[in-house]
Amino acid sequence: MNLKNFEKLEDRLNKLVATLDKLNSKNKQISQGQAEVFGKVSEYQKDRQNLAQELEKLKMAKNRAENQYKNQKGQIKRRIESLLSKLEVLEK
């Protein structure tokens, strides 16, 4: 192997090393990007789960409020009916 061939080979190897360094750098960037995306997906899933739980709590609170309203409405109706019947008795 003469000096010229060796220099050509050395130049090719240096270019190959530079290309590999660029690829490694790109791979590192991609890996970091993937980690960020996975982190955001995990955060999104947690937020979604928290919102679903909050929605269930709100639905339960709404149902309790509706039931309480119905009960109070029924009590008021019975009281009014009782008062009306007392008035009828007094009128007689």
Protein backbone atom coordinates (compact mmCIF):
# COMPACT_ATOMS: atom_id res chain seq x y z
CA MET A 1 0.00 0.00 0.00
CA ASN A 2 1.54 3.29 -1.02
CA LEU A 3 1.10 6.63 0.70
CA LYS A 4 -1.51 7.92 -1.77
CA ASN A 5 -3.75 4.88 -1.28
CA PHE A 6 -3.33 5.14 2.47
CA GLU A 7 -4.31 8.83 2.42
CA LYS A 8 -7.41 8.04 0.33
CA LEU A 9 -8.36 5.27 2.73
CA GLU A 10 -7.74 7.57 5.70
CA ASP A 11 -9.90 10.27 4.09
CA ARG A 12 -12.73 7.80 3.47
CA LEU A 13 -12.50 6.54 7.04
CA ASN A 14 -12.59 10.09 8.40
CA LYS A 15 -15.67 10.84 6.30
CA LEU A 16 -17.26 7.63 7.50
CA VAL A 17 -16.52 8.52 11.14
CA ALA A 18 -17.99 12.00 10.59
CA THR A 19 -21.11 10.48 9.03
CA LEU A 20 -21.44 8.04 11.92
CA ASP A 21 -21.09 10.91 14.41
CA LYS A 22 -23.87 12.80 12.62
CA LEU A 23 -26.08 9.70 12.64
CA ASN A 24 -25.40 9.13 16.34
CA SER A 25 -26.28 12.74 17.05
CA LYS A 26 -29.49 12.45 15.03
CA ASN A 27 -30.33 9.19 16.81
CA LYS A 28 -29.83 10.90 20.18
CA GLN A 29 -32.14 13.75 19.12
CA ILE A 30 -34.78 11.27 17.99
CA SER A 31 -34.51 9.35 21.26
CA GLN A 32 -34.90 12.57 23.24
CA GLY A 33 -37.88 13.54 21.11
CA GLN A 34 -39.47 10.15 21.69
CA ALA A 35 -38.92 10.47 25.44
CA GLU A 36 -40.61 13.88 25.40
CA VAL A 37 -43.54 12.55 23.38
CA PHE A 38 -43.94 9.55 25.70
CA GLY A 39 -43.82 11.90 28.69
CA LYS A 40 -46.50 14.12 27.19
CA VAL A 41 -48.66 11.11 26.32
CA SER A 42 -48.35 9.85 29.89
CA GLU A 43 -49.23 13.30 31.21
CA TYR A 44 -52.23 13.47 28.84
CA GLN A 45 -53.44 10.05 29.99
CA LYS A 46 -53.18 11.09 33.65
CA ASP A 47 -55.06 14.33 32.93
CA ARG A 48 -57.71 12.40 31.03
CA GLN A 49 -58.12 9.94 33.89
CA ASN A 50 -58.36 12.80 36.41
CA LEU A 51 -60.98 14.53 34.27
CA ALA A 52 -62.96 11.30 33.95
CA GLN A 53 -62.91 10.92 37.74
CA GLU A 54 -63.96 14.54 38.18
CA LEU A 55 -66.79 14.01 35.69
CA GLU A 56 -68.01 11.00 37.66
CA LYS A 57 -67.94 13.04 40.88
CA LEU A 58 -69.94 15.80 39.19
CA LYS A 59 -72.48 13.29 37.86
CA MET A 60 -72.90 11.82 41.34
CA ALA A 61 -73.27 15.29 42.86
CA LYS A 62 -75.87 16.16 40.20
CA ASN A 63 -77.81 12.98 40.94
CA ARG A 64 -77.71 13.69 44.68
CA ALA A 65 -78.90 17.26 44.08
CA GLU A 66 -81.72 16.05 41.81
CA ASN A 67 -82.80 13.45 44.37
CA GLN A 68 -82.67 16.01 47.15
CA TYR A 69 -84.74 18.40 45.03
CA LYS A 70 -87.33 15.70 44.34
CA ASN A 71 -87.51 14.81 48.02
CA GLN A 72 -87.90 18.43 49.07
CA LYS A 73 -90.48 19.00 46.36
CA GLY A 74 -92.42 15.99 47.63
CA GLN A 75 -92.19 17.24 51.22
CA ILE A 76 -93.41 20.69 50.20
CA LYS A 77 -96.26 19.17 48.22
CA ARG A 78 -97.30 17.03 51.20
CA ARG A 79 -97.15 20.04 53.54
CA ILE A 80 -99.27 22.11 51.16
CA GLU A 81 -101.78 19.26 50.86
CA SER A 82 -101.85 18.96 54.65
CA LEU A 83 -102.41 22.69 55.06
CA LEU A 84 -105.15 22.63 52.42
CA SER A 85 -106.91 19.76 54.15
CA LYS A 86 -106.70 21.65 57.47
CA LEU A 87 -108.20 24.70 55.77
CA GLU A 88 -111.03 22.55 54.40
CA VAL A 89 -111.72 21.25 57.89
CA LEU A 90 -111.74 24.79 59.27
CA GLU A 91 -114.13 25.96 56.52
CA LYS A 92 -116.67 23.28 57.40
